[in-house]
Amino acid sequence: MTSASELRSGKGERDENFPVASWIIHPRHRALILAYYNFVRTADDIADHATLPPDEKLAYLDLLEAELLGKGDTQAEAVSLRHALAERGMASRHALDVLIAFRMDVTKLRYENWDEVIHYCRYSAMPVGRFMLDVHGESTSTWAASDALCAALQINNHLQDCGKDFRELNRVYLPRDALAASGASVEQLGLAQSPPAMLACLQALAVRNEALLAEGRSLAAEIRDFRLGVEVSVIQAYADRIVRLLKVRDPLRERVHLNKLELLTFSLAGMIGEVGRRTVGRKAISRPGTAHDA
């Protein structure tokens, strides 16, 4: 069987809402984080491959899982992550969880409602945050805020790329009930510009996602590790800006992403804000609620 890493989806430049192993993170964690990232990226490329049949995609994802669990040594990304986790005495649960999402990407092309989208995020996005928290030895009490932030990042990405996902993969993450409520249709995602009904649907979902993003706002303050707290503040600043853009722009007509100046501006704002908060010793914001799924 061909190595999974040779199956690149050909998507070109990636739009990442999940910055990984940036210079902010302590160097001692970067090798493990990059091993996780490479494993997840390879699985993502398999699920999004343009020509690979669904049964072959699932077979490759099963192979990655088997080798992550020690049953073989042919898939470099799985073997590297297995060894990196073993060196730190960490379990593979967060990598196994994301494989569930990628199998869903192969087999499930439509979502009925918001709850189904959140269920998808439970496996596609929340494990990324939980993994980062575990790497840094943070308490599982941080998972509730992390889950909200990661799900909101994922949904931002769904809204940003809704047209491309439909055209290239026939995959639609916009809930059917939200489309129906606005009088929009799935087929409108193939247009070069959103009709009023589709634009209303997209912007209403952005408003709902802004509320979800607010549920994760306490995360940086809940984190003990200084560098990780700063990283999360930067990510939150990016996400806040993107969701504001999604509330007023049409992602079918224009690219709703941050330019280099905005990336620099919001990076600095996030870093300064978190460093200032920690310097004066402000406590974490107390927010009710529990993790979406423990």
Protein backbone atom coordinates (compact mmCIF):
# COMPACT_ATOMS: atom_id res chain seq x y z
CA MET A 1 0.00 0.00 0.00
CA THR A 2 1.27 3.46 -0.90
CA SER A 3 2.49 5.55 2.01
CA ALA A 4 -0.26 7.85 3.21
CA SER A 5 2.11 10.80 3.09
CA GLU A 6 2.35 10.38 -0.70
CA LEU A 7 -1.37 11.04 -1.04
CA ARG A 8 -1.41 14.79 -1.07
CA SER A 9 -4.75 16.40 -1.80
CA GLY A 10 -3.28 19.12 -3.98
CA LYS A 11 -5.12 21.86 -2.08
CA GLY A 12 -2.13 24.16 -2.27
CA GLU A 13 -1.71 26.89 0.31
CA ARG A 14 -3.58 26.12 3.49
CA ASP A 15 -5.72 28.48 5.49
CA GLU A 16 -4.95 27.64 9.10
CA ASN A 17 -7.11 28.77 12.00
CA PHE A 18 -5.05 26.51 14.27
CA PRO A 19 -1.48 27.88 14.42
CA VAL A 20 0.77 25.00 15.42
CA ALA A 21 4.14 25.01 17.19
CA SER A 22 4.71 28.71 16.65
CA TRP A 23 7.76 30.45 18.05
CA ILE A 24 5.72 31.37 21.12
CA ILE A 25 5.51 27.73 22.25
CA HIS A 26 8.49 26.48 24.30
CA PRO A 27 11.01 24.57 22.12
CA ARG A 28 10.77 21.47 24.31
CA HIS A 29 7.21 20.89 23.11
CA ARG A 30 7.65 21.57 19.41
CA ALA A 31 8.80 18.13 18.22
CA LEU A 32 5.77 16.40 19.74
CA ILE A 33 3.37 19.08 18.50
CA LEU A 34 4.78 18.89 14.97
CA ALA A 35 4.51 15.09 15.01
CA TYR A 36 0.83 15.45 15.93
CA TYR A 37 0.34 18.14 13.30
CA ASN A 38 1.94 16.04 10.55
CA PHE A 39 -0.22 13.05 11.48
CA VAL A 40 -3.40 15.15 11.42
CA ARG A 41 -2.43 16.88 8.15
CA THR A 42 -1.77 13.54 6.46
CA ALA A 43 -5.15 12.20 7.58
CA ASP A 44 -6.80 15.41 6.41
CA ASP A 45 -5.17 15.10 2.98
CA ILE A 46 -6.48 11.56 2.68
CA ALA A 47 -10.04 12.57 3.56
CA ASP A 48 -9.94 15.50 1.12
CA HIS A 49 -8.16 13.69 -1.73
CA ALA A 50 -9.75 14.66 -5.03
CA THR A 51 -9.72 11.28 -6.77
CA LEU A 52 -9.25 8.55 -4.14
CA PRO A 53 -12.43 6.43 -3.75
CA PRO A 54 -14.14 6.55 -0.34
CA ASP A 55 -13.34 2.94 0.53
CA GLU A 56 -9.65 3.52 -0.11
CA LYS A 57 -9.69 6.70 1.98
CA LEU A 58 -11.19 4.77 4.88
CA ALA A 59 -8.61 2.00 4.43
CA TYR A 60 -5.76 4.52 4.66
CA LEU A 61 -7.27 6.13 7.76
CA ASP A 62 -7.60 2.66 9.32
CA LEU A 63 -3.96 1.99 8.49
CA LEU A 64 -2.85 5.21 10.17
CA GLU A 65 -4.80 4.24 13.27
CA ALA A 66 -3.37 0.73 13.35
CA GLU A 67 0.20 1.94 13.06
CA LEU A 68 -0.33 4.69 15.62
CA LEU A 69 -1.32 1.87 17.96
CA GLY A 70 1.84 -0.08 17.13
CA LYS A 71 0.54 -2.47 14.47
CA GLY A 72 3.07 -1.80 11.72
CA ASP A 73 5.80 0.62 10.70
CA THR A 74 5.03 1.63 7.11
CA GLN A 75 3.39 5.03 7.71
CA ALA A 76 5.99 7.56 8.79
CA GLU A 77 3.60 10.07 10.36
CA ALA A 78 1.91 7.43 12.50
CA VAL A 79 5.20 5.91 13.61
CA SER A 80 6.73 9.31 14.41
CA LEU A 81 3.76 10.35 16.50
CA ARG A 82 3.65 6.98 18.27
CA HIS A 83 7.29 7.35 19.30
CA ALA A 84 6.89 11.01 20.28
CA LEU A 85 3.90 10.21 22.49
CA ALA A 86 5.71 7.27 24.08
CA GLU A 87 8.68 9.49 24.96
CA ARG A 88 6.34 11.77 26.90
CA GLY A 89 4.23 8.96 28.36
CA MET A 90 1.10 10.31 26.65
CA ALA A 91 -1.83 8.34 25.26
CA SER A 92 -2.95 8.52 21.63
CA ARG A 93 -6.58 9.45 22.37
CA HIS A 94 -6.48 12.94 20.83
CA ALA A 95 -5.02 11.60 17.57
CA LEU A 96 -7.54 8.76 17.47
CA ASP A 97 -10.35 11.27 17.98
CA VAL A 98 -9.44 13.33 14.94
CA LEU A 99 -9.49 10.18 12.80
CA ILE A 100 -13.18 9.88 13.67
CA ALA A 101 -13.75 13.32 12.14
CA PHE A 102 -11.84 12.46 8.99
CA ARG A 103 -13.91 9.31 8.56
CA MET A 104 -16.97 11.53 8.91
CA ASP A 105 -15.58 13.75 6.15
CA VAL A 106 -15.50 10.71 3.87
CA THR A 107 -18.96 9.38 4.74
CA LYS A 108 -21.05 12.41 5.79
CA LEU A 109 -21.51 15.27 3.35
CA ARG A 110 -24.43 17.13 4.98
CA TYR A 111 -25.36 18.28 8.50
CA GLU A 112 -28.92 18.68 9.67
CA ASN A 113 -28.49 21.21 12.48
CA TRP A 114 -26.06 23.09 14.72
CA ASP A 115 -25.79 20.19 17.16
CA GLU A 116 -24.55 17.90 14.39
CA VAL A 117 -21.91 20.45 13.44
CA ILE A 118 -20.78 20.69 17.07
CA HIS A 119 -20.63 16.89 17.22
CA TYR A 120 -18.30 16.99 14.21
CA CYS A 121 -16.18 19.65 15.94
CA ARG A 122 -15.95 17.38 18.98
CA TYR A 123 -13.70 15.17 16.87
CA SER A 124 -12.23 17.56 14.28
CA ALA A 125 -11.29 20.52 16.48
CA MET A 126 -11.68 19.94 20.20
CA PRO A 127 -8.99 17.20 20.33
CA VAL A 128 -6.44 19.70 19.00
CA GLY A 129 -6.97 22.01 21.96
CA ARG A 130 -7.10 19.14 24.44
CA PHE A 131 -3.86 17.76 23.03
CA MET A 132 -2.10 21.11 23.41
CA LEU A 133 -3.33 21.43 26.98
CA ASP A 134 -2.15 17.91 27.83
CA VAL A 135 1.26 18.55 26.29
CA HIS A 136 1.64 21.51 28.65
CA GLY A 137 0.36 19.62 31.68
CA GLU A 138 -2.74 21.77 32.07
CA SER A 139 -5.80 20.71 34.06
CA THR A 140 -8.77 19.11 32.32
CA SER A 141 -10.81 21.90 33.89
CA THR A 142 -9.58 24.02 30.98
CA TRP A 143 -11.26 21.74 28.46
CA ALA A 144 -14.67 23.47 28.52
CA ALA A 145 -13.27 26.82 27.37
CA SER A 146 -10.86 25.12 24.99
CA ASP A 147 -13.64 23.09 23.39
CA ALA A 148 -15.67 26.24 22.75
CA LEU A 149 -12.71 28.11 21.25
CA CYS A 150 -11.64 25.22 19.04
CA ALA A 151 -15.17 24.56 17.79
CA ALA A 152 -15.55 28.25 16.98
CA LEU A 153 -12.26 28.22 15.07
CA GLN A 154 -13.48 25.24 13.08
CA ILE A 155 -16.81 26.86 12.28
CA ASN A 156 -15.06 30.07 11.23
CA ASN A 157 -13.15 27.91 8.76
CA HIS A 158 -16.35 26.21 7.58
CA LEU A 159 -17.87 29.61 6.83
CA GLN A 160 -14.71 30.96 5.19
CA ASP A 161 -14.40 27.94 2.88
CA CYS A 162 -18.06 27.04 2.34
CA GLY A 163 -17.93 27.64 -1.40
CA LYS A 164 -14.70 25.74 -1.96
CA ASP A 165 -15.85 22.80 0.17
CA PHE A 166 -19.03 22.50 -1.90
CA ARG A 167 -17.40 22.93 -5.30
CA GLU A 168 -14.39 20.69 -4.72
CA LEU A 169 -15.73 18.06 -2.29
CA ASN A 170 -19.53 18.35 -2.39
CA ARG A 171 -19.23 18.80 1.36
CA VAL A 172 -21.51 21.23 3.20
CA TYR A 173 -21.08 22.03 6.88
CA LEU A 174 -23.83 24.68 6.89
CA PRO A 175 -26.77 23.11 8.77
CA ARG A 176 -29.75 22.25 6.60
CA ASP A 177 -32.17 23.84 9.05
CA ALA A 178 -30.24 27.12 8.94
CA LEU A 179 -30.31 27.12 5.16
CA ALA A 180 -34.05 26.41 5.18
CA ALA A 181 -34.75 29.12 7.75
CA SER A 182 -33.15 31.72 5.47
CA GLY A 183 -34.68 30.35 2.29
CA ALA A 184 -31.25 29.43 0.91
CA SER A 185 -30.28 26.29 -0.99
CA VAL A 186 -27.12 24.19 -1.05
CA GLU A 187 -26.75 24.80 -4.79
CA GLN A 188 -26.24 28.53 -4.15
CA LEU A 189 -22.85 27.68 -2.65
CA GLY A 190 -21.64 27.09 -6.18
CA LEU A 191 -22.29 30.70 -7.19
CA ALA A 192 -19.68 33.45 -7.41
CA GLN A 193 -21.71 35.64 -5.06
CA SER A 194 -24.23 34.87 -2.34
CA PRO A 195 -27.87 35.69 -3.11
CA PRO A 196 -29.56 37.60 -0.25
CA ALA A 197 -30.95 34.41 1.33
CA MET A 198 -27.55 32.68 1.41
CA LEU A 199 -25.81 35.81 2.71
CA ALA A 200 -28.40 36.06 5.50
CA CYS A 201 -27.78 32.42 6.41
CA LEU A 202 -23.99 32.80 6.48
CA GLN A 203 -24.09 35.97 8.55
CA ALA A 204 -26.60 34.50 11.01
CA LEU A 205 -24.26 31.52 11.50
CA ALA A 206 -21.38 33.94 12.07
CA VAL A 207 -23.39 35.70 14.79
CA ARG A 208 -24.12 32.34 16.43
CA ASN A 209 -20.45 31.38 16.19
CA GLU A 210 -19.43 34.70 17.77
CA ALA A 211 -21.40 33.65 20.85
CA LEU A 212 -19.61 30.29 20.88
CA LEU A 213 -16.28 32.09 20.58
CA ALA A 214 -17.18 34.15 23.64
CA GLU A 215 -17.61 30.93 25.64
CA GLY A 216 -13.91 30.23 25.16
CA ARG A 217 -12.67 33.70 26.04
CA SER A 218 -11.58 32.67 29.53
CA LEU A 219 -9.18 30.00 28.27
CA ALA A 220 -5.96 32.03 28.18
CA ALA A 221 -6.50 33.15 31.77
CA GLU A 222 -7.20 29.59 32.89
CA ILE A 223 -3.91 28.31 31.49
CA ARG A 224 -0.91 28.19 33.83
CA ASP A 225 1.80 27.97 31.17
CA PHE A 226 2.82 31.50 30.20
CA ARG A 227 3.78 30.78 26.59
CA LEU A 228 0.67 28.74 25.88
CA GLY A 229 -1.50 31.42 27.44
CA VAL A 230 0.00 34.02 25.12
CA GLU A 231 -0.45 31.71 22.12
CA VAL A 232 -4.11 31.22 22.95
CA SER A 233 -4.61 34.97 23.31
CA VAL A 234 -3.18 35.49 19.83
CA ILE A 235 -5.44 32.78 18.37
CA GLN A 236 -8.44 34.33 20.12
CA ALA A 237 -7.57 37.73 18.64
CA TYR A 238 -7.41 36.23 15.14
CA ALA A 239 -10.72 34.43 15.62
CA ASP A 240 -12.47 37.55 16.95
CA ARG A 241 -11.41 39.50 13.87
CA ILE A 242 -12.40 36.76 11.42
CA VAL A 243 -15.87 36.31 12.91
CA ARG A 244 -16.42 40.07 12.71
CA LEU A 245 -15.50 39.96 9.03
CA LEU A 246 -17.83 37.01 8.43
CA LYS A 247 -20.71 39.02 9.88
CA VAL A 248 -20.40 41.65 7.14
CA ARG A 249 -18.65 40.01 4.17
CA ASP A 250 -19.64 37.42 1.58
CA PRO A 251 -17.23 34.44 1.60
CA LEU A 252 -18.50 33.33 -1.82
CA ARG A 253 -17.46 36.64 -3.35
CA GLU A 254 -14.29 37.50 -1.43
CA ARG A 255 -11.58 35.82 0.58
CA VAL A 256 -12.39 36.36 4.25
CA HIS A 257 -8.97 35.97 5.83
CA LEU A 258 -6.46 38.18 7.59
CA ASN A 259 -3.76 39.91 5.58
CA LYS A 260 -0.16 40.17 6.79
CA LEU A 261 -0.68 43.54 8.46
CA GLU A 262 -3.77 42.27 10.29
CA LEU A 263 -1.92 39.12 11.37
CA LEU A 264 0.86 41.28 12.82
CA THR A 265 -1.56 43.73 14.44
CA PHE A 266 -3.72 41.11 16.11
CA SER A 267 -0.69 39.03 17.12
CA LEU A 268 0.75 42.02 18.95
CA ALA A 269 -2.61 42.90 20.48
CA GLY A 270 -3.09 39.36 21.74
CA MET A 271 0.43 39.13 23.16
CA ILE A 272 0.36 42.54 24.82
CA GLY A 273 -3.05 41.90 26.32
CA GLU A 274 -2.09 38.55 27.82
CA VAL A 275 1.30 39.69 29.07
CA GLY A 276 -0.38 42.68 30.68
CA ARG A 277 -3.06 40.53 32.28
CA ARG A 278 -0.48 38.17 33.77
CA THR A 279 1.71 41.04 34.92
CA VAL A 280 -1.05 42.60 36.98
CA GLY A 281 -2.24 39.18 38.13
CA ARG A 282 -5.85 39.28 36.99
CA LYS A 283 -7.68 36.03 37.54
CA ALA A 284 -9.45 33.88 34.99
CA ILE A 285 -12.93 34.96 34.03
CA SER A 286 -15.41 32.65 35.65
CA ARG A 287 -17.85 31.22 33.11
CA PRO A 288 -20.55 28.64 33.76
CA GLY A 289 -20.82 25.48 31.74
CA THR A 290 -18.96 22.25 31.15
CA ALA A 291 -17.10 20.70 28.27
CA HIS A 292 -19.28 19.73 25.33
CA ASP A 293 -18.12 16.14 25.66
CA ALA A 294 -15.66 14.86 28.21
